[in-house]
Amino acid sequence: MKYRIRLDTLTDVNKFVKIATGYPGRITLTDGDNFTVNGKSLLGAMYTMEWDQVYCESDKEIYHLIKDFVDEE
């Protein structure tokens, strides 16, 4: 599954990583083109704050976990 998300503040990043680390499957964050980082990595998630777009990809449906971060626009 792939969702466009927003991680605008360090609080957002911390909340997202806390949720991601509690999930047993694979979660990655990508800009859609060049960069991919582990979604369970605090440092990796902080790095995404520099990207224009951030997508969360997972091996299973996790919308119910990350719905607060999904960019619906």
C-alpha atoms as a PDB file:
ATOM      1  CA  MET A   1       0.000   0.000   0.000  1.00  0.00           C
ATOM      2  CA  LYS A   2       1.204   3.513  -0.753  1.00  0.00           C
ATOM      3  CA  TYR A   3      -0.040   6.779   0.757  1.00  0.00           C
ATOM      4  CA  ARG A   4       1.160  10.338   0.445  1.00  0.00           C
ATOM      5  CA  ILE A   5       1.786  11.630   3.958  1.00  0.00           C
ATOM      6  CA  ARG A   6       2.889  14.804   5.714  1.00  0.00           C
ATOM      7  CA  LEU A   7       5.538  14.913   8.410  1.00  0.00           C
ATOM      8  CA  ASP A   8       5.812  18.651   9.055  1.00  0.00           C
ATOM      9  CA  THR A   9       7.154  18.810  12.605  1.00  0.00           C
ATOM     10  CA  LEU A  10       9.437  16.800  14.842  1.00  0.00           C
ATOM     11  CA  THR A  11       6.360  15.877  16.860  1.00  0.00           C
ATOM     12  CA  ASP A  12       4.814  14.395  13.701  1.00  0.00           C
ATOM     13  CA  VAL A  13       8.014  12.463  13.003  1.00  0.00           C
ATOM     14  CA  ASN A  14       8.175  11.088  16.554  1.00  0.00           C
ATOM     15  CA  LYS A  15       4.517  10.019  16.507  1.00  0.00           C
ATOM     16  CA  PHE A  16       4.875   8.389  13.088  1.00  0.00           C
ATOM     17  CA  VAL A  17       8.021   6.451  14.039  1.00  0.00           C
ATOM     18  CA  LYS A  18       6.402   5.284  17.291  1.00  0.00           C
ATOM     19  CA  ILE A  19       3.442   3.915  15.299  1.00  0.00           C
ATOM     20  CA  ALA A  20       5.707   2.384  12.644  1.00  0.00           C
ATOM     21  CA  THR A  21       7.963   0.606  15.139  1.00  0.00           C
ATOM     22  CA  GLY A  22       4.909  -1.020  16.702  1.00  0.00           C
ATOM     23  CA  TYR A  23       3.938  -2.507  13.334  1.00  0.00           C
ATOM     24  CA  PRO A  24       5.540  -5.922  12.657  1.00  0.00           C
ATOM     25  CA  GLY A  25       5.749  -5.522   8.864  1.00  0.00           C
ATOM     26  CA  ARG A  26       7.862  -3.436   6.487  1.00  0.00           C
ATOM     27  CA  ILE A  27       7.289   0.320   6.302  1.00  0.00           C
ATOM     28  CA  THR A  28       9.351   2.607   4.082  1.00  0.00           C
ATOM     29  CA  LEU A  29       9.239   6.299   3.300  1.00  0.00           C
ATOM     30  CA  THR A  30      10.050   7.478  -0.201  1.00  0.00           C
ATOM     31  CA  ASP A  31      10.012  10.669  -2.224  1.00  0.00           C
ATOM     32  CA  GLY A  32       8.638   8.675  -5.152  1.00  0.00           C
ATOM     33  CA  ASP A  33      11.738   9.033  -7.302  1.00  0.00           C
ATOM     34  CA  ASN A  34      15.204   8.876  -5.789  1.00  0.00           C
ATOM     35  CA  PHE A  35      15.204   8.309  -2.040  1.00  0.00           C
ATOM     36  CA  THR A  36      13.859   5.598   0.244  1.00  0.00           C
ATOM     37  CA  VAL A  37      14.375   5.272   3.994  1.00  0.00           C
ATOM     38  CA  ASN A  38      13.192   2.879   6.679  1.00  0.00           C
ATOM     39  CA  GLY A  39       9.922   4.214   8.131  1.00  0.00           C
ATOM     40  CA  LYS A  40      10.882   2.846  11.539  1.00  0.00           C
ATOM     41  CA  SER A  41      14.060   4.950  11.653  1.00  0.00           C
ATOM     42  CA  LEU A  42      13.836   8.236  13.541  1.00  0.00           C
ATOM     43  CA  LEU A  43      16.799   9.648  11.636  1.00  0.00           C
ATOM     44  CA  GLY A  44      15.385   8.468   8.305  1.00  0.00           C
ATOM     45  CA  ALA A  45      11.974   9.997   9.023  1.00  0.00           C
ATOM     46  CA  MET A  46      13.608  13.279  10.039  1.00  0.00           C
ATOM     47  CA  TYR A  47      15.428  13.304   6.695  1.00  0.00           C
ATOM     48  CA  THR A  48      12.092  13.223   4.852  1.00  0.00           C
ATOM     49  CA  MET A  49      11.209  16.664   6.224  1.00  0.00           C
ATOM     50  CA  GLU A  50      13.480  18.053   3.475  1.00  0.00           C
ATOM     51  CA  TRP A  51      11.538  16.342   0.670  1.00  0.00           C
ATOM     52  CA  ASP A  52       8.791  17.988  -1.378  1.00  0.00           C
ATOM     53  CA  GLN A  53       6.638  14.846  -1.239  1.00  0.00           C
ATOM     54  CA  VAL A  54       6.685  11.903   1.162  1.00  0.00           C
ATOM     55  CA  TYR A  55       5.011   8.562   0.516  1.00  0.00           C
ATOM     56  CA  CYS A  56       4.591   5.768   3.027  1.00  0.00           C
ATOM     57  CA  GLU A  57       4.765   2.268   1.574  1.00  0.00           C
ATOM     58  CA  SER A  58       3.993  -0.921   3.463  1.00  0.00           C
ATOM     59  CA  ASP A  59       3.571  -4.599   2.757  1.00  0.00           C
ATOM     60  CA  LYS A  60       0.031  -4.577   4.197  1.00  0.00           C
ATOM     61  CA  GLU A  61      -2.831  -2.132   4.677  1.00  0.00           C
ATOM     62  CA  ILE A  62      -1.919   0.350   7.450  1.00  0.00           C
ATOM     63  CA  TYR A  63      -4.216   3.288   6.713  1.00  0.00           C
ATOM     64  CA  HIS A  64      -5.927   2.857  10.086  1.00  0.00           C
ATOM     65  CA  LEU A  65      -2.538   3.374  11.781  1.00  0.00           C
ATOM     66  CA  ILE A  66      -1.305   6.379   9.771  1.00  0.00           C
ATOM     67  CA  LYS A  67      -4.572   8.128   8.850  1.00  0.00           C
ATOM     68  CA  ASP A  68      -3.608  11.241  10.842  1.00  0.00           C
ATOM     69  CA  PHE A  69      -0.584  11.735   8.542  1.00  0.00           C
ATOM     70  CA  VAL A  70      -2.223  10.933   5.176  1.00  0.00           C
ATOM     71  CA  ASP A  71      -2.372  13.937   2.848  1.00  0.00           C
ATOM     72  CA  GLU A  72      -5.852  13.747   1.308  1.00  0.00           C
ATOM     73  CA  GLU A  73      -5.228  16.589  -1.188  1.00  0.00           C
END
